C-alpha atoms as a PDB file:
ATOM      1  CA  MET A   1     -28.648   7.725  11.424  1.00  0.00           C
ATOM      2  CA  SER A   2     -25.276   8.420   9.814  1.00  0.00           C
ATOM      3  CA  GLU A   3     -24.607  11.596   7.910  1.00  0.00           C
ATOM      4  CA  PRO A   4     -24.228  11.436   4.135  1.00  0.00           C
ATOM      5  CA  ALA A   5     -20.674  11.128   2.871  1.00  0.00           C
ATOM      6  CA  ARG A   6     -18.946  14.441   2.237  1.00  0.00           C
ATOM      7  CA  TYR A   7     -17.310  12.909  -0.840  1.00  0.00           C
ATOM      8  CA  PRO A   8     -19.721  10.305  -2.186  1.00  0.00           C
ATOM      9  CA  LEU A   9     -18.318   7.687  -4.533  1.00  0.00           C
ATOM     10  CA  PRO A  10     -19.067   8.527  -8.173  1.00  0.00           C
ATOM     11  CA  ASP A  11     -21.148   6.201 -10.299  1.00  0.00           C
ATOM     12  CA  LEU A  12     -18.920   3.981 -12.407  1.00  0.00           C
ATOM     13  CA  ASN A  13     -21.027   4.699 -15.495  1.00  0.00           C
ATOM     14  CA  ASP A  14     -20.390   8.444 -15.175  1.00  0.00           C
ATOM     15  CA  LEU A  15     -16.599   8.088 -15.377  1.00  0.00           C
ATOM     16  CA  PRO A  16     -14.382   8.640 -18.424  1.00  0.00           C
ATOM     17  CA  ASP A  17     -13.976   5.489 -20.523  1.00  0.00           C
ATOM     18  CA  ASP A  18     -10.302   4.912 -19.634  1.00  0.00           C
ATOM     19  CA  LEU A  19     -11.026   4.970 -15.886  1.00  0.00           C
ATOM     20  CA  LYS A  20     -14.115   2.825 -16.291  1.00  0.00           C
ATOM     21  CA  THR A  21     -12.160   0.230 -18.302  1.00  0.00           C
ATOM     22  CA  GLN A  22      -9.355   0.001 -15.728  1.00  0.00           C
ATOM     23  CA  ILE A  23     -11.772  -0.168 -12.792  1.00  0.00           C
ATOM     24  CA  LEU A  24     -13.747  -2.965 -14.462  1.00  0.00           C
ATOM     25  CA  GLU A  25     -10.463  -4.859 -14.988  1.00  0.00           C
ATOM     26  CA  VAL A  26      -9.742  -4.558 -11.264  1.00  0.00           C
ATOM     27  CA  GLN A  27     -13.270  -5.734 -10.468  1.00  0.00           C
ATOM     28  CA  ALA A  28     -12.904  -8.749 -12.748  1.00  0.00           C
ATOM     29  CA  LYS A  29      -9.630  -9.726 -11.061  1.00  0.00           C
ATOM     30  CA  ALA A  30     -10.574  -8.995  -7.426  1.00  0.00           C
ATOM     31  CA  GLY A  31     -14.293  -9.754  -7.545  1.00  0.00           C
ATOM     32  CA  PHE A  32     -15.119  -6.263  -6.216  1.00  0.00           C
ATOM     33  CA  VAL A  33     -14.097  -2.643  -6.750  1.00  0.00           C
ATOM     34  CA  PRO A  34     -11.784  -1.395  -3.986  1.00  0.00           C
ATOM     35  CA  ASN A  35     -13.201   1.906  -2.735  1.00  0.00           C
ATOM     36  CA  VAL A  36      -9.996   3.819  -3.482  1.00  0.00           C
ATOM     37  CA  PHE A  37     -10.568   3.379  -7.223  1.00  0.00           C
ATOM     38  CA  LEU A  38     -13.936   5.101  -7.070  1.00  0.00           C
ATOM     39  CA  ALA A  39     -13.084   7.623  -4.356  1.00  0.00           C
ATOM     40  CA  LEU A  40     -10.192   9.121  -6.321  1.00  0.00           C
ATOM     41  CA  ALA A  41     -12.073   8.946  -9.648  1.00  0.00           C
ATOM     42  CA  ARG A  42     -13.982  12.110  -8.748  1.00  0.00           C
ATOM     43  CA  ARG A  43     -10.940  13.878 -10.231  1.00  0.00           C
ATOM     44  CA  PRO A  44      -9.920  11.859 -13.291  1.00  0.00           C
ATOM     45  CA  ALA A  45      -6.611  13.647 -13.992  1.00  0.00           C
ATOM     46  CA  GLU A  46      -5.462  13.064 -10.408  1.00  0.00           C
ATOM     47  CA  TRP A  47      -6.680   9.439 -10.573  1.00  0.00           C
ATOM     48  CA  ARG A  48      -4.548   8.837 -13.677  1.00  0.00           C
ATOM     49  CA  ALA A  49      -1.450  10.403 -12.090  1.00  0.00           C
ATOM     50  CA  PHE A  50      -1.979   8.568  -8.790  1.00  0.00           C
ATOM     51  CA  PHE A  51      -2.358   5.136 -10.339  1.00  0.00           C
ATOM     52  CA  ALA A  52       0.478   5.683 -12.826  1.00  0.00           C
ATOM     53  CA  TYR A  53       2.847   6.391  -9.925  1.00  0.00           C
ATOM     54  CA  HIS A  54       1.297   3.611  -7.836  1.00  0.00           C
ATOM     55  CA  ASP A  55       1.875   1.071 -10.593  1.00  0.00           C
ATOM     56  CA  ALA A  56       5.431   2.282 -11.264  1.00  0.00           C
ATOM     57  CA  LEU A  57       6.273   1.701  -7.591  1.00  0.00           C
ATOM     58  CA  MET A  58       4.239  -1.390  -6.798  1.00  0.00           C
ATOM     59  CA  MET A  59       4.593  -3.148 -10.182  1.00  0.00           C
ATOM     60  CA  PRO A  60       7.989  -1.930 -11.448  1.00  0.00           C
ATOM     61  CA  GLU A  61       7.994  -4.488 -14.243  1.00  0.00           C
ATOM     62  CA  SER A  62       5.016  -2.608 -15.746  1.00  0.00           C
ATOM     63  CA  VAL A  63       7.399   0.268 -16.507  1.00  0.00           C
ATOM     64  CA  GLY A  64      10.348  -1.886 -17.594  1.00  0.00           C
ATOM     65  CA  ARG A  65      12.186  -1.791 -14.266  1.00  0.00           C
ATOM     66  CA  THR A  66      13.246  -4.530 -11.895  1.00  0.00           C
ATOM     67  CA  SER A  67      13.421  -4.368  -8.118  1.00  0.00           C
ATOM     68  CA  SER A  68      14.856  -6.701  -5.513  1.00  0.00           C
ATOM     69  CA  LEU A  69      11.840  -5.962  -3.316  1.00  0.00           C
ATOM     70  CA  SER A  70       9.217  -8.683  -3.541  1.00  0.00           C
ATOM     71  CA  LYS A  71       5.490  -7.943  -3.783  1.00  0.00           C
ATOM     72  CA  GLY A  72       5.272  -8.965  -0.129  1.00  0.00           C
ATOM     73  CA  ASP A  73       8.101  -6.586   0.814  1.00  0.00           C
ATOM     74  CA  ARG A  74       6.334  -3.695  -0.896  1.00  0.00           C
ATOM     75  CA  GLU A  75       3.005  -4.445   0.796  1.00  0.00           C
ATOM     76  CA  MET A  76       4.809  -4.824   4.131  1.00  0.00           C
ATOM     77  CA  ILE A  77       6.219  -1.307   3.769  1.00  0.00           C
ATOM     78  CA  VAL A  78       2.749   0.055   2.965  1.00  0.00           C
ATOM     79  CA  THR A  79       1.062  -1.744   5.868  1.00  0.00           C
ATOM     80  CA  THR A  80       3.684  -0.759   8.433  1.00  0.00           C
ATOM     81  CA  THR A  81       3.940   2.916   7.495  1.00  0.00           C
ATOM     82  CA  SER A  82       0.178   3.254   6.966  1.00  0.00           C
ATOM     83  CA  ALA A  83      -0.309   2.050  10.534  1.00  0.00           C
ATOM     84  CA  ALA A  84       2.140   4.723  11.727  1.00  0.00           C
ATOM     85  CA  ASN A  85       0.009   7.244   9.806  1.00  0.00           C
ATOM     86  CA  GLN A  86      -3.169   5.759  11.337  1.00  0.00           C
ATOM     87  CA  CYS A  87      -4.742   5.089   7.938  1.00  0.00           C
ATOM     88  CA  LEU A  88      -7.498   2.530   8.406  1.00  0.00           C
ATOM     89  CA  TYR A  89      -8.140   2.053   4.684  1.00  0.00           C
ATOM     90  CA  CYS A  90      -4.534   1.325   3.718  1.00  0.00           C
ATOM     91  CA  VAL A  91      -3.743  -0.892   6.716  1.00  0.00           C
ATOM     92  CA  VAL A  92      -6.770  -3.075   6.000  1.00  0.00           C
ATOM     93  CA  ALA A  93      -6.482  -3.136   2.193  1.00  0.00           C
ATOM     94  CA  HIS A  94      -2.714  -3.548   1.939  1.00  0.00           C
ATOM     95  CA  GLY A  95      -2.634  -5.828   4.964  1.00  0.00           C
ATOM     96  CA  ALA A  96      -4.898  -8.161   2.982  1.00  0.00           C
ATOM     97  CA  LEU A  97      -2.482  -8.148   0.043  1.00  0.00           C
ATOM     98  CA  LEU A  98       0.461  -8.664   2.399  1.00  0.00           C
ATOM     99  CA  ARG A  99      -1.162 -11.751   3.936  1.00  0.00           C
ATOM    100  CA  ILE A 100      -1.767 -13.177   0.470  1.00  0.00           C
ATOM    101  CA  TYR A 101       1.709 -12.475  -0.943  1.00  0.00           C
ATOM    102  CA  GLU A 102       3.569 -13.665   2.155  1.00  0.00           C
ATOM    103  CA  LYS A 103       1.165 -16.590   2.750  1.00  0.00           C
ATOM    104  CA  LYS A 104       1.157 -15.655   6.440  1.00  0.00           C
ATOM    105  CA  PRO A 105      -2.254 -14.891   7.966  1.00  0.00           C
ATOM    106  CA  LEU A 106      -0.756 -13.133  11.026  1.00  0.00           C
ATOM    107  CA  VAL A 107       1.960 -10.960   9.484  1.00  0.00           C
ATOM    108  CA  ALA A 108      -0.104  -7.886   8.586  1.00  0.00           C
ATOM    109  CA  ASP A 109      -1.445  -7.472  12.108  1.00  0.00           C
ATOM    110  CA  GLN A 110       2.043  -7.982  13.524  1.00  0.00           C
ATOM    111  CA  VAL A 111       3.797  -5.381  11.367  1.00  0.00           C
ATOM    112  CA  ALA A 112       0.950  -2.895  11.763  1.00  0.00           C
ATOM    113  CA  VAL A 113       1.335  -2.999  15.544  1.00  0.00           C
ATOM    114  CA  ASN A 114       5.094  -3.486  15.951  1.00  0.00           C
ATOM    115  CA  HIS A 115       7.324  -4.660  13.106  1.00  0.00           C
ATOM    116  CA  ARG A 116      10.199  -5.269  15.533  1.00  0.00           C
ATOM    117  CA  LYS A 117       8.201  -8.082  17.179  1.00  0.00           C
ATOM    118  CA  ALA A 118       6.777  -9.499  13.944  1.00  0.00           C
ATOM    119  CA  ASP A 119       7.558 -12.921  12.498  1.00  0.00           C
ATOM    120  CA  ILE A 120       9.635 -11.524   9.620  1.00  0.00           C
ATOM    121  CA  SER A 121      13.237 -11.882   8.459  1.00  0.00           C
ATOM    122  CA  ALA A 122      16.101  -9.711   9.704  1.00  0.00           C
ATOM    123  CA  ARG A 123      16.284  -8.316   6.149  1.00  0.00           C
ATOM    124  CA  GLN A 124      12.632  -7.289   6.248  1.00  0.00           C
ATOM    125  CA  ARG A 125      13.087  -5.781   9.714  1.00  0.00           C
ATOM    126  CA  ALA A 126      15.956  -3.620   8.417  1.00  0.00           C
ATOM    127  CA  MET A 127      13.799  -2.593   5.440  1.00  0.00           C
ATOM    128  CA  LEU A 128      10.959  -1.575   7.752  1.00  0.00           C
ATOM    129  CA  ASP A 129      13.305   0.263  10.136  1.00  0.00           C
ATOM    130  CA  PHE A 130      14.403   2.377   7.163  1.00  0.00           C
ATOM    131  CA  ALA A 131      10.815   2.852   5.940  1.00  0.00           C
ATOM    132  CA  MET A 132       9.670   3.963   9.388  1.00  0.00           C
ATOM    133  CA  LYS A 133      12.499   6.482   9.634  1.00  0.00           C
ATOM    134  CA  VAL A 134      11.525   7.879   6.219  1.00  0.00           C
ATOM    135  CA  CYS A 135       7.896   7.946   7.393  1.00  0.00           C
ATOM    136  CA  GLU A 136       8.523   9.692  10.693  1.00  0.00           C
ATOM    137  CA  GLN A 137      11.919  11.441  10.384  1.00  0.00           C
ATOM    138  CA  SER A 138      12.962  11.656   6.735  1.00  0.00           C
ATOM    139  CA  HIS A 139      14.991  14.777   7.552  1.00  0.00           C
ATOM    140  CA  ALA A 140      17.185  12.678   9.857  1.00  0.00           C
ATOM    141  CA  ILE A 141      18.185   9.986   7.331  1.00  0.00           C
ATOM    142  CA  GLU A 142      21.971   9.662   7.325  1.00  0.00           C
ATOM    143  CA  GLU A 143      24.710   7.431   6.020  1.00  0.00           C
ATOM    144  CA  ALA A 144      24.308   4.963   8.887  1.00  0.00           C
ATOM    145  CA  ASP A 145      20.752   4.276   7.724  1.00  0.00           C
ATOM    146  CA  PHE A 146      21.982   3.332   4.256  1.00  0.00           C
ATOM    147  CA  GLN A 147      24.766   1.195   5.760  1.00  0.00           C
ATOM    148  CA  ALA A 148      22.196  -0.718   7.833  1.00  0.00           C
ATOM    149  CA  LEU A 149      20.343  -1.534   4.608  1.00  0.00           C
ATOM    150  CA  HIS A 150      23.541  -2.452   2.749  1.00  0.00           C
ATOM    151  CA  ALA A 151      24.373  -4.929   5.537  1.00  0.00           C
ATOM    152  CA  HIS A 152      21.248  -6.853   4.519  1.00  0.00           C
ATOM    153  CA  GLY A 153      21.978  -6.796   0.790  1.00  0.00           C
ATOM    154  CA  PHE A 154      19.914  -3.751  -0.169  1.00  0.00           C
ATOM    155  CA  SER A 155      21.338  -1.352  -2.748  1.00  0.00           C
ATOM    156  CA  ASP A 156      20.900   2.410  -2.926  1.00  0.00           C
ATOM    157  CA  GLU A 157      18.237   1.793  -5.613  1.00  0.00           C
ATOM    158  CA  ASP A 158      16.395  -0.453  -3.150  1.00  0.00           C
ATOM    159  CA  ALA A 159      16.589   2.353  -0.578  1.00  0.00           C
ATOM    160  CA  TRP A 160      14.993   4.662  -3.153  1.00  0.00           C
ATOM    161  CA  ASP A 161      12.199   2.106  -3.666  1.00  0.00           C
ATOM    162  CA  ILE A 162      11.585   1.831   0.077  1.00  0.00           C
ATOM    163  CA  ALA A 163      11.537   5.610   0.491  1.00  0.00           C
ATOM    164  CA  ALA A 164       9.368   6.238  -2.574  1.00  0.00           C
ATOM    165  CA  ILE A 165       6.767   3.649  -1.506  1.00  0.00           C
ATOM    166  CA  THR A 166       6.729   5.142   1.992  1.00  0.00           C
ATOM    167  CA  ALA A 167       6.350   8.691   0.682  1.00  0.00           C
ATOM    168  CA  PHE A 168       3.724   7.845  -1.936  1.00  0.00           C
ATOM    169  CA  PHE A 169       1.582   6.041   0.590  1.00  0.00           C
ATOM    170  CA  GLY A 170       2.002   8.957   2.984  1.00  0.00           C
ATOM    171  CA  LEU A 171       0.003  10.887   0.377  1.00  0.00           C
ATOM    172  CA  SER A 172      -2.451   8.031  -0.048  1.00  0.00           C
ATOM    173  CA  ASN A 173      -2.885   7.671   3.736  1.00  0.00           C
ATOM    174  CA  ARG A 174      -3.732  11.318   4.146  1.00  0.00           C
ATOM    175  CA  MET A 175      -6.200  11.372   1.259  1.00  0.00           C
ATOM    176  CA  ALA A 176      -7.940   8.232   2.507  1.00  0.00           C
ATOM    177  CA  SER A 177      -8.099   9.438   6.104  1.00  0.00           C
ATOM    178  CA  PHE A 178      -9.279  12.999   5.559  1.00  0.00           C
ATOM    179  CA  SER A 179     -11.956  11.911   3.071  1.00  0.00           C
ATOM    180  CA  GLY A 180     -13.347   9.165   5.290  1.00  0.00           C
ATOM    181  CA  MET A 181     -12.529   6.371   2.841  1.00  0.00           C
ATOM    182  CA  MET A 182     -13.555   3.047   4.352  1.00  0.00           C
ATOM    183  CA  PRO A 183     -12.094  -0.362   3.518  1.00  0.00           C
ATOM    184  CA  ASN A 184     -14.319  -2.713   1.560  1.00  0.00           C
ATOM    185  CA  PRO A 185     -15.641  -5.535   3.786  1.00  0.00           C
ATOM    186  CA  GLU A 186     -13.991  -8.088   1.450  1.00  0.00           C
ATOM    187  CA  PHE A 187     -10.513  -7.001   2.543  1.00  0.00           C
ATOM    188  CA  TYR A 188     -10.943  -8.107   6.147  1.00  0.00           C
ATOM    189  CA  LEU A 189     -10.941 -11.850   5.510  1.00  0.00           C
ATOM    190  CA  MET A 190      -8.577 -11.979   2.528  1.00  0.00           C
ATOM    191  CA  GLY A 191      -5.529 -14.110   3.283  1.00  0.00           C
ATOM    192  CA  ARG A 192      -6.793 -15.051   6.745  1.00  0.00           C
ATOM    193  CA  VAL A 193      -8.739 -18.184   5.929  1.00  0.00           C
ATOM    194  CA  PRO A 194      -8.216 -20.692   3.124  1.00  0.00           C
ATOM    195  CA  LYS A 195     -10.340 -20.113   0.035  1.00  0.00           C
ATOM    196  CA  ALA A 196     -13.309 -22.435  -0.365  1.00  0.00           C
ATOM    197  CA  ARG A 197     -12.697 -24.928  -3.152  1.00  0.00           C
END
């Protein structure tokens, strides 16, 4: 028999109205409520700050900003660096989104294990090399790292995006891992098999 969760998910009906409304919107779109939305809702002020920053990074158009990183690029950064941080929840959840955005059922597994061997573009490989250095050795970032990105058409603003996504999900990875957050079963098959029509 498993032990009860140290941080049980709150009941949706007990949450403040603004959180409840946003979570129900996610449920309507996805068909389920990703566990992260409920797990972090135990502290509403932190939930609001977390998802505001999340949306600013992952949906820059929602804050009036453009980015040359595609949705797939952003999810690729999350999946790759979350694997380096050994975060089960984020690898599975964001790997699902990566498969959908890139329309490649194998890519998430490939970048999670070794992005240098993955079936991705040279541009994406350079992006992930930079993300991994930020993830594992941010103190060692130097001009040569920026030049390697520039050689593939990335700007300094793109480098900021890559670093900010990596750093933000470093926080997310640690919160998910320490709290025992588990991926929803729905994530495992998303983007792997064609949808039934």
